[in-house]
Amino acid sequence: MYNIILALRWCYKVPVQVAYLELVRSERRSPAWLMRIITDMQLAIFANMLGMFLFLLVVLYHYVAINNPKNQE
């Protein structure tokens, strides 16, 4: 496969970027290939859920702080 790409680059003057993309698509994929970029919608859902969790954590903290029997007079 690599020899064919080199031959194409030499005969047809294919840009280096195109030849590199052909090499990346080969069967020799690294473990980084399994990683994906998350979409904007997934990022928005994650940010909203994280915000709700932190808000509930603050509410729970205030509830526990107010109802602490050691600090009541």
Protein backbone atom coordinates (compact mmCIF):
# COMPACT_ATOMS: atom_id res chain seq x y z
CA MET A 1 0.00 0.00 0.00
CA TYR A 2 2.77 2.42 0.93
CA ASN A 3 4.63 1.72 -2.33
CA ILE A 4 1.51 2.52 -4.34
CA ILE A 5 1.14 5.84 -2.55
CA LEU A 6 4.76 6.71 -3.21
CA ALA A 7 4.32 5.84 -6.87
CA LEU A 8 1.21 8.00 -7.09
CA ARG A 9 3.01 10.90 -5.46
CA TRP A 10 5.86 10.61 -7.91
CA CYS A 11 3.71 10.17 -11.05
CA TYR A 12 0.84 12.53 -10.36
CA LYS A 13 2.46 14.92 -7.90
CA VAL A 14 -0.16 14.24 -5.22
CA PRO A 15 0.23 16.67 -2.31
CA VAL A 16 1.95 15.33 0.77
CA GLN A 17 -1.19 15.83 2.85
CA VAL A 18 -3.22 13.47 0.65
CA ALA A 19 -0.52 10.82 0.79
CA TYR A 20 -0.36 11.18 4.58
CA LEU A 21 -4.13 10.77 4.86
CA GLU A 22 -3.89 7.54 2.89
CA LEU A 23 -1.27 6.28 5.34
CA VAL A 24 -3.43 7.19 8.31
CA ARG A 25 -6.35 5.23 6.87
CA SER A 26 -4.29 2.05 6.69
CA GLU A 27 -4.77 -0.95 8.93
CA ARG A 28 -2.00 0.20 11.29
CA ARG A 29 -4.27 2.31 13.48
CA SER A 30 -3.12 3.43 16.87
CA PRO A 31 -5.24 3.21 20.05
CA ALA A 32 -5.90 6.94 19.65
CA TRP A 33 -8.22 6.02 16.77
CA LEU A 34 -10.72 4.72 19.33
CA MET A 35 -11.06 8.18 20.85
CA ARG A 36 -13.79 10.38 19.45
CA ILE A 37 -14.53 14.06 19.63
CA ILE A 38 -17.69 14.76 21.58
CA THR A 39 -20.42 16.75 19.87
CA ASP A 40 -21.71 20.15 20.96
CA MET A 41 -24.94 18.55 22.17
CA GLN A 42 -23.08 16.03 24.34
CA LEU A 43 -20.97 18.84 25.79
CA ALA A 44 -24.09 20.90 26.56
CA ILE A 45 -25.80 17.96 28.27
CA PHE A 46 -22.68 17.22 30.30
CA ALA A 47 -22.30 20.86 31.35
CA ASN A 48 -25.97 21.10 32.38
CA MET A 49 -25.84 17.89 34.39
CA LEU A 50 -22.63 19.00 36.10
CA GLY A 51 -24.22 22.34 36.96
CA MET A 52 -27.33 20.68 38.41
CA PHE A 53 -25.19 18.30 40.46
CA LEU A 54 -23.11 21.15 41.90
CA PHE A 55 -26.24 23.16 42.69
CA LEU A 56 -27.78 20.21 44.56
CA LEU A 57 -24.48 19.69 46.38
CA VAL A 58 -24.55 23.31 47.61
CA VAL A 59 -28.18 22.94 48.73
CA LEU A 60 -27.32 19.72 50.59
CA TYR A 61 -24.33 21.40 52.25
CA HIS A 62 -26.48 24.28 53.50
CA TYR A 63 -29.15 21.87 54.75
CA VAL A 64 -26.56 19.88 56.73
CA ALA A 65 -24.86 23.04 58.04
CA ILE A 66 -28.13 24.52 59.31
CA ASN A 67 -29.36 21.30 60.95
CA ASN A 68 -26.09 20.48 62.69
CA PRO A 69 -26.97 19.75 66.36
CA LYS A 70 -23.49 20.72 67.62
CA ASN A 71 -23.80 24.34 66.53
CA GLN A 72 -27.38 24.93 67.70
CA GLU A 73 -27.80 27.08 70.79
